[in-house]
Each structure stands twice: as structure tokens, then as C-alpha cells.
C-alpha atoms as a PDB file:
ATOM      1  CA  MET A   1      -9.329  24.146 -13.777  1.00  0.00           C
ATOM      2  CA  LYS A   2      -5.864  25.710 -13.507  1.00  0.00           C
ATOM      3  CA  LEU A   3      -5.562  24.413  -9.927  1.00  0.00           C
ATOM      4  CA  LYS A   4      -6.622  20.946 -11.049  1.00  0.00           C
ATOM      5  CA  VAL A   5      -3.956  20.913 -13.778  1.00  0.00           C
ATOM      6  CA  ILE A   6      -1.352  21.955 -11.191  1.00  0.00           C
ATOM      7  CA  ALA A   7      -2.626  19.216  -8.879  1.00  0.00           C
ATOM      8  CA  PHE A   8      -2.401  16.629 -11.682  1.00  0.00           C
ATOM      9  CA  VAL A   9       1.253  17.453 -12.427  1.00  0.00           C
ATOM     10  CA  ALA A  10       2.365  17.935  -8.800  1.00  0.00           C
ATOM     11  CA  ILE A  11       0.770  14.709  -7.551  1.00  0.00           C
ATOM     12  CA  LEU A  12       2.096  12.718 -10.521  1.00  0.00           C
ATOM     13  CA  VAL A  13       5.651  13.963  -9.933  1.00  0.00           C
ATOM     14  CA  SER A  14       5.426  13.389  -6.154  1.00  0.00           C
ATOM     15  CA  SER A  15       4.112   9.854  -6.698  1.00  0.00           C
ATOM     16  CA  VAL A  16       6.868   8.953  -9.161  1.00  0.00           C
ATOM     17  CA  ILE A  17       9.606  10.359  -6.905  1.00  0.00           C
ATOM     18  CA  GLY A  18       8.235   8.704  -3.771  1.00  0.00           C
ATOM     19  CA  VAL A  19       7.749   5.191  -5.158  1.00  0.00           C
ATOM     20  CA  SER A  20      10.932   5.256  -7.272  1.00  0.00           C
ATOM     21  CA  LEU A  21      13.346   6.571  -4.643  1.00  0.00           C
ATOM     22  CA  PRO A  22      13.842   3.245  -2.771  1.00  0.00           C
ATOM     23  CA  LEU A  23      14.338   1.444  -6.092  1.00  0.00           C
ATOM     24  CA  PHE A  24      17.520   3.435  -6.764  1.00  0.00           C
ATOM     25  CA  SER A  25      19.291   2.019  -3.721  1.00  0.00           C
ATOM     26  CA  ARG A  26      21.965   0.702  -6.092  1.00  0.00           C
ATOM     27  CA  TYR A  27      23.043   4.295  -6.619  1.00  0.00           C
ATOM     28  CA  MET A  28      22.279   5.324  -3.011  1.00  0.00           C
ATOM     29  CA  PRO A  29      23.719   2.608  -0.743  1.00  0.00           C
ATOM     30  CA  SER A  30      22.227   4.287   2.343  1.00  0.00           C
ATOM     31  CA  LEU A  31      18.743   3.250   1.103  1.00  0.00           C
ATOM     32  CA  ALA A  32      19.630  -0.439   0.750  1.00  0.00           C
ATOM     33  CA  PRO A  33      17.253  -2.757   2.680  1.00  0.00           C
ATOM     34  CA  ASP A  34      19.976  -3.813   5.125  1.00  0.00           C
ATOM     35  CA  ARG A  35      20.785  -0.225   6.171  1.00  0.00           C
ATOM     36  CA  ASN A  36      19.324   1.568   9.184  1.00  0.00           C
ATOM     37  CA  LEU A  37      18.146   4.554   7.120  1.00  0.00           C
ATOM     38  CA  PHE A  38      15.964   2.263   4.996  1.00  0.00           C
ATOM     39  CA  THR A  39      14.351   0.849   8.154  1.00  0.00           C
ATOM     40  CA  VAL A  40      13.658   4.349   9.521  1.00  0.00           C
ATOM     41  CA  VAL A  41      12.208   5.648   6.233  1.00  0.00           C
ATOM     42  CA  LYS A  42      10.066   2.543   5.756  1.00  0.00           C
ATOM     43  CA  ALA A  43       8.754   2.767   9.337  1.00  0.00           C
ATOM     44  CA  PHE A  44       7.844   6.441   8.856  1.00  0.00           C
ATOM     45  CA  SER A  45       6.171   5.680   5.516  1.00  0.00           C
ATOM     46  CA  SER A  46       4.253   2.805   7.105  1.00  0.00           C
ATOM     47  CA  GLY A  47       3.091   5.274   9.754  1.00  0.00           C
ATOM     48  CA  VAL A  48       1.823   7.570   6.994  1.00  0.00           C
ATOM     49  CA  ILE A  49      -0.132   4.639   5.508  1.00  0.00           C
ATOM     50  CA  LEU A  50      -1.553   3.800   8.949  1.00  0.00           C
ATOM     51  CA  ALA A  51      -2.509   7.443   9.541  1.00  0.00           C
ATOM     52  CA  THR A  52      -4.118   7.572   6.098  1.00  0.00           C
ATOM     53  CA  GLY A  53      -6.366   4.661   7.038  1.00  0.00           C
ATOM     54  CA  TYR A  54      -7.317   5.804  10.544  1.00  0.00           C
ATOM     55  CA  MET A  55      -7.198   9.611  10.295  1.00  0.00           C
ATOM     56  CA  HIS A  56      -8.255  10.264   6.702  1.00  0.00           C
ATOM     57  CA  VAL A  57     -10.079   7.446   4.937  1.00  0.00           C
ATOM     58  CA  LEU A  58     -12.095   6.102   7.886  1.00  0.00           C
ATOM     59  CA  PRO A  59     -13.476   9.526   8.996  1.00  0.00           C
ATOM     60  CA  ASP A  60     -14.390  10.293   5.365  1.00  0.00           C
ATOM     61  CA  SER A  61     -16.364   7.060   5.234  1.00  0.00           C
ATOM     62  CA  PHE A  62     -18.178   7.972   8.461  1.00  0.00           C
ATOM     63  CA  ASN A  63     -19.065  11.388   7.019  1.00  0.00           C
ATOM     64  CA  ASP A  64     -20.355   9.864   3.777  1.00  0.00           C
ATOM     65  CA  LEU A  65     -22.428   7.056   5.262  1.00  0.00           C
ATOM     66  CA  MET A  66     -23.815   9.194   8.123  1.00  0.00           C
ATOM     67  CA  SER A  67     -24.726  12.099   5.840  1.00  0.00           C
ATOM     68  CA  ASP A  68     -28.098  13.810   6.188  1.00  0.00           C
ATOM     69  CA  CYS A  69     -28.588  13.199   2.453  1.00  0.00           C
ATOM     70  CA  LEU A  70     -29.049   9.483   3.164  1.00  0.00           C
ATOM     71  CA  PRO A  71     -32.188   7.970   4.698  1.00  0.00           C
ATOM     72  CA  ARG A  72     -32.010   7.343   8.432  1.00  0.00           C
ATOM     73  CA  ASN A  73     -32.936   3.709   7.969  1.00  0.00           C
ATOM     74  CA  PRO A  74     -30.604   1.811   7.658  1.00  0.00           C
ATOM     75  CA  TRP A  75     -27.566   4.108   7.323  1.00  0.00           C
ATOM     76  CA  LYS A  76     -27.809   5.753  10.744  1.00  0.00           C
ATOM     77  CA  LYS A  77     -29.030   2.710  12.618  1.00  0.00           C
ATOM     78  CA  PHE A  78     -26.092   0.421  11.826  1.00  0.00           C
ATOM     79  CA  PRO A  79     -22.310   1.183  11.855  1.00  0.00           C
ATOM     80  CA  PHE A  80     -21.669   0.267   8.210  1.00  0.00           C
ATOM     81  CA  THR A  81     -18.267   1.978   8.131  1.00  0.00           C
ATOM     82  CA  THR A  82     -16.683  -0.072  10.902  1.00  0.00           C
ATOM     83  CA  PHE A  83     -18.488  -3.231   9.753  1.00  0.00           C
ATOM     84  CA  VAL A  84     -17.147  -2.937   6.190  1.00  0.00           C
ATOM     85  CA  ALA A  85     -13.665  -1.973   7.461  1.00  0.00           C
ATOM     86  CA  MET A  86     -13.640  -5.074   9.687  1.00  0.00           C
ATOM     87  CA  LEU A  87     -14.741  -7.311   6.796  1.00  0.00           C
ATOM     88  CA  SER A  88     -12.102  -5.703   4.573  1.00  0.00           C
ATOM     89  CA  ALA A  89      -9.345  -6.397   7.123  1.00  0.00           C
ATOM     90  CA  LEU A  90     -10.488 -10.029   7.450  1.00  0.00           C
ATOM     91  CA  PHE A  91     -10.705 -10.374   3.665  1.00  0.00           C
ATOM     92  CA  THR A  92      -7.171  -8.969   3.362  1.00  0.00           C
ATOM     93  CA  LEU A  93      -5.993 -11.570   5.871  1.00  0.00           C
ATOM     94  CA  MET A  94      -7.634 -14.289   3.765  1.00  0.00           C
ATOM     95  CA  VAL A  95      -6.052 -12.991   0.545  1.00  0.00           C
ATOM     96  CA  ASP A  96      -2.704 -12.666   2.334  1.00  0.00           C
ATOM     97  CA  SER A  97      -2.851 -16.255   3.570  1.00  0.00           C
ATOM     98  CA  PHE A  98      -4.189 -17.692   0.294  1.00  0.00           C
ATOM     99  CA  ALA A  99      -1.575 -15.867  -1.806  1.00  0.00           C
ATOM    100  CA  MET A 100       1.258 -17.089   0.430  1.00  0.00           C
ATOM    101  CA  SER A 101      -0.044 -20.661   0.208  1.00  0.00           C
ATOM    102  CA  LEU A 102      -0.388 -20.421  -3.585  1.00  0.00           C
ATOM    103  CA  TYR A 103       3.104 -18.988  -4.021  1.00  0.00           C
ATOM    104  CA  LYS A 104       4.607 -21.722  -1.843  1.00  0.00           C
ATOM    105  CA  LYS A 105       2.797 -24.497  -3.738  1.00  0.00           C
ATOM    106  CA  ARG A 106       3.946 -23.146  -7.099  1.00  0.00           C
ATOM    107  CA  SER A 107       7.570 -22.807  -6.012  1.00  0.00           C
ATOM    108  CA  GLY A 108       7.555 -25.792  -3.655  1.00  0.00           C
ATOM    109  CA  PRO A 109       9.511 -28.367  -5.672  1.00  0.00           C
ATOM    110  CA  ALA A 110      12.213 -25.888  -6.620  1.00  0.00           C
ATOM    111  CA  ASN A 111      12.550 -24.651  -3.064  1.00  0.00           C
ATOM    112  CA  ASN A 112      12.675 -28.160  -1.651  1.00  0.00           C
ATOM    113  CA  GLY A 113      15.403 -29.158  -4.090  1.00  0.00           C
ATOM    114  CA  ALA A 114      17.348 -26.023  -3.350  1.00  0.00           C
ATOM    115  CA  THR A 115      16.928 -26.541   0.390  1.00  0.00           C
ATOM    116  CA  GLN A 116      18.161 -30.131   0.176  1.00  0.00           C
ATOM    117  CA  GLU A 117      21.146 -29.098  -1.915  1.00  0.00           C
ATOM    118  CA  ASP A 118      21.880 -26.278   0.511  1.00  0.00           C
ATOM    119  CA  GLY A 119      21.617 -28.721   3.414  1.00  0.00           C
ATOM    120  CA  ASN A 120      24.203 -30.974   1.768  1.00  0.00           C
ATOM    121  CA  ARG A 121      26.484 -27.975   1.338  1.00  0.00           C
ATOM    122  CA  THR A 122      26.002 -27.064   5.009  1.00  0.00           C
ATOM    123  CA  ILE A 123      26.988 -30.544   6.174  1.00  0.00           C
ATOM    124  CA  GLU A 124      29.976 -30.498   3.846  1.00  0.00           C
ATOM    125  CA  ASN A 125      31.059 -27.094   5.150  1.00  0.00           C
ATOM    126  CA  LEU A 126      30.692 -28.214   8.757  1.00  0.00           C
ATOM    127  CA  GLU A 127      32.797 -31.282   8.037  1.00  0.00           C
ATOM    128  CA  HIS A 128      35.545 -29.030   6.663  1.00  0.00           C
ATOM    129  CA  GLY A 129      35.313 -26.780   9.712  1.00  0.00           C
ATOM    130  CA  HIS A 130      33.803 -23.763   7.947  1.00  0.00           C
ATOM    131  CA  GLY A 131      30.566 -23.649   9.962  1.00  0.00           C
ATOM    132  CA  HIS A 132      28.889 -21.475   7.299  1.00  0.00           C
ATOM    133  CA  ALA A 133      25.153 -22.330   6.937  1.00  0.00           C
ATOM    134  CA  LEU A 134      22.664 -20.578   4.688  1.00  0.00           C
ATOM    135  CA  ASP A 135      18.983 -20.850   5.513  1.00  0.00           C
ATOM    136  CA  LEU A 136      17.779 -20.770   1.916  1.00  0.00           C
ATOM    137  CA  ASN A 137      14.294 -21.927   2.826  1.00  0.00           C
ATOM    138  CA  TYR A 138      13.812 -19.002   5.234  1.00  0.00           C
ATOM    139  CA  THR A 139      15.125 -16.527   2.660  1.00  0.00           C
ATOM    140  CA  SER A 140      12.798 -17.878  -0.030  1.00  0.00           C
ATOM    141  CA  SER A 141       9.811 -17.710   2.341  1.00  0.00           C
ATOM    142  CA  GLN A 142      10.639 -14.103   3.222  1.00  0.00           C
ATOM    143  CA  LEU A 143      10.891 -13.193  -0.465  1.00  0.00           C
ATOM    144  CA  LEU A 144       7.453 -14.670  -1.157  1.00  0.00           C
ATOM    145  CA  ARG A 145       6.096 -12.779   1.846  1.00  0.00           C
ATOM    146  CA  HIS A 146       7.463  -9.480   0.560  1.00  0.00           C
ATOM    147  CA  ARG A 147       5.923 -10.089  -2.877  1.00  0.00           C
ATOM    148  CA  VAL A 148       2.480 -10.784  -1.437  1.00  0.00           C
ATOM    149  CA  ILE A 149       2.706  -7.685   0.779  1.00  0.00           C
ATOM    150  CA  ALA A 150       3.715  -5.453  -2.146  1.00  0.00           C
ATOM    151  CA  GLN A 151       0.830  -6.598  -4.343  1.00  0.00           C
ATOM    152  CA  VAL A 152      -1.896  -6.461  -1.674  1.00  0.00           C
ATOM    153  CA  LEU A 153      -0.686  -3.072  -0.414  1.00  0.00           C
ATOM    154  CA  GLU A 154      -0.740  -1.623  -3.915  1.00  0.00           C
ATOM    155  CA  LEU A 155      -4.319  -2.861  -4.368  1.00  0.00           C
ATOM    156  CA  GLY A 156      -5.484  -0.962  -1.284  1.00  0.00           C
ATOM    157  CA  ILE A 157      -3.589   2.197  -2.220  1.00  0.00           C
ATOM    158  CA  VAL A 158      -4.959   2.178  -5.780  1.00  0.00           C
ATOM    159  CA  VAL A 159      -8.589   1.973  -4.577  1.00  0.00           C
ATOM    160  CA  HIS A 160      -8.101   4.871  -2.170  1.00  0.00           C
ATOM    161  CA  SER A 161      -6.150   6.946  -4.715  1.00  0.00           C
ATOM    162  CA  VAL A 162      -8.872   6.707  -7.359  1.00  0.00           C
ATOM    163  CA  VAL A 163     -11.552   7.774  -4.857  1.00  0.00           C
ATOM    164  CA  ILE A 164      -9.638  10.806  -3.577  1.00  0.00           C
ATOM    165  CA  GLY A 165      -8.616  11.823  -7.106  1.00  0.00           C
ATOM    166  CA  LEU A 166     -12.249  11.638  -8.191  1.00  0.00           C
ATOM    167  CA  ALA A 167     -13.303  13.846  -5.266  1.00  0.00           C
ATOM    168  CA  MET A 168     -10.667  16.460  -6.105  1.00  0.00           C
ATOM    169  CA  GLY A 169     -11.493  16.459  -9.824  1.00  0.00           C
ATOM    170  CA  ALA A 170     -15.214  16.935  -9.161  1.00  0.00           C
ATOM    171  CA  SER A 171     -14.711  19.662  -6.548  1.00  0.00           C
ATOM    172  CA  ASP A 172     -15.386  23.326  -7.417  1.00  0.00           C
ATOM    173  CA  ASN A 173     -14.083  24.700  -4.108  1.00  0.00           C
ATOM    174  CA  ARG A 174     -10.767  26.535  -4.594  1.00  0.00           C
ATOM    175  CA  CYS A 175      -9.806  26.357  -0.912  1.00  0.00           C
ATOM    176  CA  THR A 176     -10.427  22.612  -0.821  1.00  0.00           C
ATOM    177  CA  ILE A 177      -8.337  21.990  -3.931  1.00  0.00           C
ATOM    178  CA  ARG A 178      -5.436  24.168  -2.697  1.00  0.00           C
ATOM    179  CA  SER A 179      -5.233  22.364   0.638  1.00  0.00           C
ATOM    180  CA  LEU A 180      -5.587  18.966  -1.029  1.00  0.00           C
ATOM    181  CA  ILE A 181      -2.669  19.632  -3.399  1.00  0.00           C
ATOM    182  CA  ALA A 182      -0.191  20.058  -0.533  1.00  0.00           C
ATOM    183  CA  ALA A 183      -1.672  17.236   1.526  1.00  0.00           C
ATOM    184  CA  LEU A 184      -1.777  14.763  -1.364  1.00  0.00           C
ATOM    185  CA  CYS A 185       1.770  15.552  -2.519  1.00  0.00           C
ATOM    186  CA  PHE A 186       3.055  14.763   0.991  1.00  0.00           C
ATOM    187  CA  HIS A 187       0.769  11.742   1.229  1.00  0.00           C
ATOM    188  CA  GLN A 188       1.731  10.288  -2.160  1.00  0.00           C
ATOM    189  CA  MET A 189       5.441  10.922  -1.578  1.00  0.00           C
ATOM    190  CA  PHE A 190       5.708   8.990   1.686  1.00  0.00           C
ATOM    191  CA  GLU A 191       3.051   6.398   0.888  1.00  0.00           C
ATOM    192  CA  GLY A 192       4.988   5.794  -2.322  1.00  0.00           C
ATOM    193  CA  MET A 193       8.217   5.375  -0.366  1.00  0.00           C
ATOM    194  CA  GLY A 194       6.543   2.736   1.792  1.00  0.00           C
ATOM    195  CA  LEU A 195       5.302   0.883  -1.284  1.00  0.00           C
ATOM    196  CA  GLY A 196       8.633   1.339  -3.051  1.00  0.00           C
ATOM    197  CA  GLY A 197      10.416  -0.226  -0.082  1.00  0.00           C
ATOM    198  CA  CYS A 198       8.105  -3.247  -0.320  1.00  0.00           C
ATOM    199  CA  ILE A 199       8.705  -3.522  -4.072  1.00  0.00           C
ATOM    200  CA  LEU A 200      12.471  -3.340  -3.493  1.00  0.00           C
ATOM    201  CA  GLN A 201      12.358  -6.098  -0.869  1.00  0.00           C
ATOM    202  CA  ALA A 202      10.204  -8.228  -3.207  1.00  0.00           C
ATOM    203  CA  GLU A 203      13.107  -8.282  -5.709  1.00  0.00           C
ATOM    204  CA  TYR A 204      10.887  -8.139  -8.778  1.00  0.00           C
ATOM    205  CA  LYS A 205      12.329  -7.938 -12.248  1.00  0.00           C
ATOM    206  CA  PHE A 206      12.395  -4.571 -14.019  1.00  0.00           C
ATOM    207  CA  ARG A 207       9.131  -5.112 -15.918  1.00  0.00           C
ATOM    208  CA  MET A 208       7.095  -5.883 -12.806  1.00  0.00           C
ATOM    209  CA  LYS A 209       8.676  -2.975 -10.930  1.00  0.00           C
ATOM    210  CA  ALA A 210       7.806  -0.625 -13.792  1.00  0.00           C
ATOM    211  CA  ILE A 211       4.175  -1.840 -13.886  1.00  0.00           C
ATOM    212  CA  MET A 212       3.701  -1.353 -10.132  1.00  0.00           C
ATOM    213  CA  VAL A 213       5.366   2.091 -10.180  1.00  0.00           C
ATOM    214  CA  PHE A 214       3.181   3.102 -13.147  1.00  0.00           C
ATOM    215  CA  PHE A 215      -0.114   2.063 -11.558  1.00  0.00           C
ATOM    216  CA  PHE A 216       0.686   3.730  -8.240  1.00  0.00           C
ATOM    217  CA  SER A 217       1.805   6.948  -9.936  1.00  0.00           C
ATOM    218  CA  VAL A 218      -1.126   7.424 -12.320  1.00  0.00           C
ATOM    219  CA  THR A 219      -4.150   6.352 -10.257  1.00  0.00           C
ATOM    220  CA  THR A 220      -4.670   9.649  -8.377  1.00  0.00           C
ATOM    221  CA  PRO A 221      -4.029  11.846 -11.477  1.00  0.00           C
ATOM    222  CA  LEU A 222      -6.391   9.639 -13.507  1.00  0.00           C
ATOM    223  CA  GLY A 223      -8.954   9.956 -10.724  1.00  0.00           C
ATOM    224  CA  ILE A 224      -8.653  13.762 -11.059  1.00  0.00           C
ATOM    225  CA  VAL A 225      -9.207  13.527 -14.820  1.00  0.00           C
ATOM    226  CA  LEU A 226     -12.206  11.255 -14.270  1.00  0.00           C
ATOM    227  CA  GLY A 227     -13.631  13.685 -11.710  1.00  0.00           C
ATOM    228  CA  VAL A 228     -13.215  16.623 -14.118  1.00  0.00           C
ATOM    229  CA  GLY A 229     -14.968  14.654 -16.860  1.00  0.00           C
ATOM    230  CA  LEU A 230     -17.852  13.748 -14.558  1.00  0.00           C
ATOM    231  CA  THR A 231     -18.260  17.199 -13.012  1.00  0.00           C
ATOM    232  CA  LYS A 232     -21.626  17.808 -14.674  1.00  0.00           C
ATOM    233  CA  VAL A 233     -23.133  14.443 -13.776  1.00  0.00           C
ATOM    234  CA  TYR A 234     -21.279  13.611 -10.548  1.00  0.00           C
ATOM    235  CA  SER A 235     -22.605  15.095  -7.330  1.00  0.00           C
ATOM    236  CA  GLN A 236     -20.718  14.421  -4.115  1.00  0.00           C
ATOM    237  CA  THR A 237     -23.946  14.800  -2.117  1.00  0.00           C
ATOM    238  CA  SER A 238     -26.079  12.417  -4.165  1.00  0.00           C
ATOM    239  CA  PRO A 239     -27.151   9.286  -2.222  1.00  0.00           C
ATOM    240  CA  THR A 240     -25.563   6.937  -4.772  1.00  0.00           C
ATOM    241  CA  ALA A 241     -22.197   8.736  -4.713  1.00  0.00           C
ATOM    242  CA  LEU A 242     -22.189   8.915  -0.905  1.00  0.00           C
ATOM    243  CA  ILE A 243     -22.911   5.201  -0.535  1.00  0.00           C
ATOM    244  CA  VAL A 244     -20.409   4.044  -3.184  1.00  0.00           C
ATOM    245  CA  VAL A 245     -17.587   6.329  -2.037  1.00  0.00           C
ATOM    246  CA  GLY A 246     -18.326   5.663   1.640  1.00  0.00           C
ATOM    247  CA  LEU A 247     -18.201   1.881   1.218  1.00  0.00           C
ATOM    248  CA  LEU A 248     -15.047   2.086  -0.928  1.00  0.00           C
ATOM    249  CA  ASN A 249     -13.372   4.280   1.691  1.00  0.00           C
ATOM    250  CA  ALA A 250     -14.364   1.888   4.491  1.00  0.00           C
ATOM    251  CA  SER A 251     -12.989  -1.140   2.632  1.00  0.00           C
ATOM    252  CA  SER A 252      -9.806   0.756   1.744  1.00  0.00           C
ATOM    253  CA  ALA A 253      -9.369   1.831   5.393  1.00  0.00           C
ATOM    254  CA  GLY A 254      -9.636  -1.754   6.638  1.00  0.00           C
ATOM    255  CA  LEU A 255      -7.111  -2.953   4.082  1.00  0.00           C
ATOM    256  CA  LEU A 256      -4.618  -0.124   4.736  1.00  0.00           C
ATOM    257  CA  ASN A 257      -4.874  -0.471   8.517  1.00  0.00           C
ATOM    258  CA  TYR A 258      -4.277  -4.217   8.357  1.00  0.00           C
ATOM    259  CA  MET A 259      -1.346  -3.898   5.938  1.00  0.00           C
ATOM    260  CA  ALA A 260       0.312  -1.054   7.867  1.00  0.00           C
ATOM    261  CA  LEU A 261       0.024  -2.739  11.271  1.00  0.00           C
ATOM    262  CA  VAL A 262       0.471  -6.429  10.465  1.00  0.00           C
ATOM    263  CA  ASP A 263       2.545  -6.650   7.293  1.00  0.00           C
ATOM    264  CA  LEU A 264       4.697  -3.528   7.619  1.00  0.00           C
ATOM    265  CA  LEU A 265       5.172  -2.224  11.178  1.00  0.00           C
ATOM    266  CA  ALA A 266       4.758  -5.509  13.080  1.00  0.00           C
ATOM    267  CA  ALA A 267       6.856  -7.440  10.558  1.00  0.00           C
ATOM    268  CA  ASP A 268       9.730  -4.958  10.944  1.00  0.00           C
ATOM    269  CA  PHE A 269       9.564  -4.246  14.681  1.00  0.00           C
ATOM    270  CA  LEU A 270       9.111  -7.909  15.607  1.00  0.00           C
ATOM    271  CA  GLY A 271      11.670  -9.063  13.028  1.00  0.00           C
ATOM    272  CA  PRO A 272      15.182 -10.272  13.832  1.00  0.00           C
ATOM    273  CA  LYS A 273      16.899  -7.023  12.800  1.00  0.00           C
ATOM    274  CA  LEU A 274      15.166  -4.708  15.283  1.00  0.00           C
ATOM    275  CA  GLN A 275      14.874  -7.352  17.990  1.00  0.00           C
ATOM    276  CA  LYS A 276      18.687  -7.519  18.143  1.00  0.00           C
ATOM    277  CA  ILE A 277      18.911  -3.830  19.123  1.00  0.00           C
END
């Protein structure tokens, strides 16, 4: 229990520091989104999220759904882990596309008016020889994109965080808990920095930023508390627990892998900033 209390505090502090650090770029100009250090840190954090999906969550799902505690038929005759991960990635793509479309429809009239006004300003500037054009429509589209990415990414992280917190809280193995404390502190710190960078680029108001920071920071500690409370009734080797946790891990892995590759790494490395290098 003492180790679990230490884990609760350490993971909570690591989560808060990790997700909040990019949001204080006003006081640390080197972490502003247009600086090279921000790009490097975000790329590394995105790599941590990608590694979490492929190297941690996906193997755990395989172990759960291929366990000897489950009946051979159908769990060992069909690759449920990869099937659910694939469906999760496709579902994330659908949510990503639908959310972008919804955001654009809601803000369409305002954007169109702003774009037209900006176009008039551009023509006026060109006539006066200034040649200064602002692509407001592109900027608005990028902002919407960043907001969708931040929200979908947080959803995937929250699901995974609750599951791993539950496993730690229900565990009675000292060695497992000790190793998980160090691993999860590192994991939450850099995963939080990746999410914090997305929140910063989304340019949310303070209230929304605070809500997203709060939910990311408390999900793993709350999962630990839930696991401690369910210690007597929760068995990690029971068929029900293995199936539920295995399917949740598979869906979380698909979501995290898609977000890390498509919305974070590909968006940055194929974007105009890095393509100019």
C-alpha cells in the first residue's frame, strides 16, 4: 500500500509537469510552437506515444486475449487484438474526419466572411505595393485541425491510463509496482508533453486547457485508487477481466498508433516547416 501511495503521488506530479510544461511557453520562449526546440520535444513525445501503442499496449492485449485462462475457441483461433486495433484506427479516422467537417460547418460563415475581408485587404495591399498576404483560411483550418487532434488524442490516452492504473492498483507484486512507478512517471511525463504541445497549438481558452490538463493528470492516479478499491473482487486472471482489459488495450493501441503516426509525426515531418530544411 505504501508503494501504491508513492505511485499515486509520483505519477500525478509527473503528469501535471509533463502536460503543463508546453503551456508555459509564454514564460519560456524556447518552447513556443514556432521554435525548433518545441518541434524536437514534440517529435520525441510523439515517439513515446507511438512506442506506448506498439511496444506496451499492443503486447499487453496479446497476452490478455491469448491467455491460457481463456477458452481456446474463439480467443486463440482468431487474432482479436489486431482486428480490434485495426477497427479502432479506422474508427479514429472516421471521428477525425467527422469532427473536422463538423467544426468547419459550424465556423464556416465566420471563416468565409473573414477570408473575403482578408482577400480585400490583400488586393488593397498589393495595389499599394506592400505585397503582404495573410492566408487566414489556411490558418483557421490548421487551428481546427489542432483542436480535433488534441481532443481525440486525449480520449485515447485517458482509456489507456485508466486501464494501466487499474492494473497497478490491483497488483500485489512489489517488484511489479516498483518497476511500474519509474516507467509510468517517464511515460506520463513525455506523453503529457506531447498532449500539452497539441493543446498549446489548439489555442484553447484557459478553462478548456485546465479541463484537459486535469483529466490527463488524474486518470492514472484514479485508476490506481479504483484498483486498490477492487483488490478483493478484481482478479487480473479472471476471464472477464482478461477480455475487457485486452479489448480496451487493443482499441487504445489502434487509436494511439494512428494519432502518433498520422496526426502528430506525419503532420509535422510532412509540414511546411520541416520540409523547408
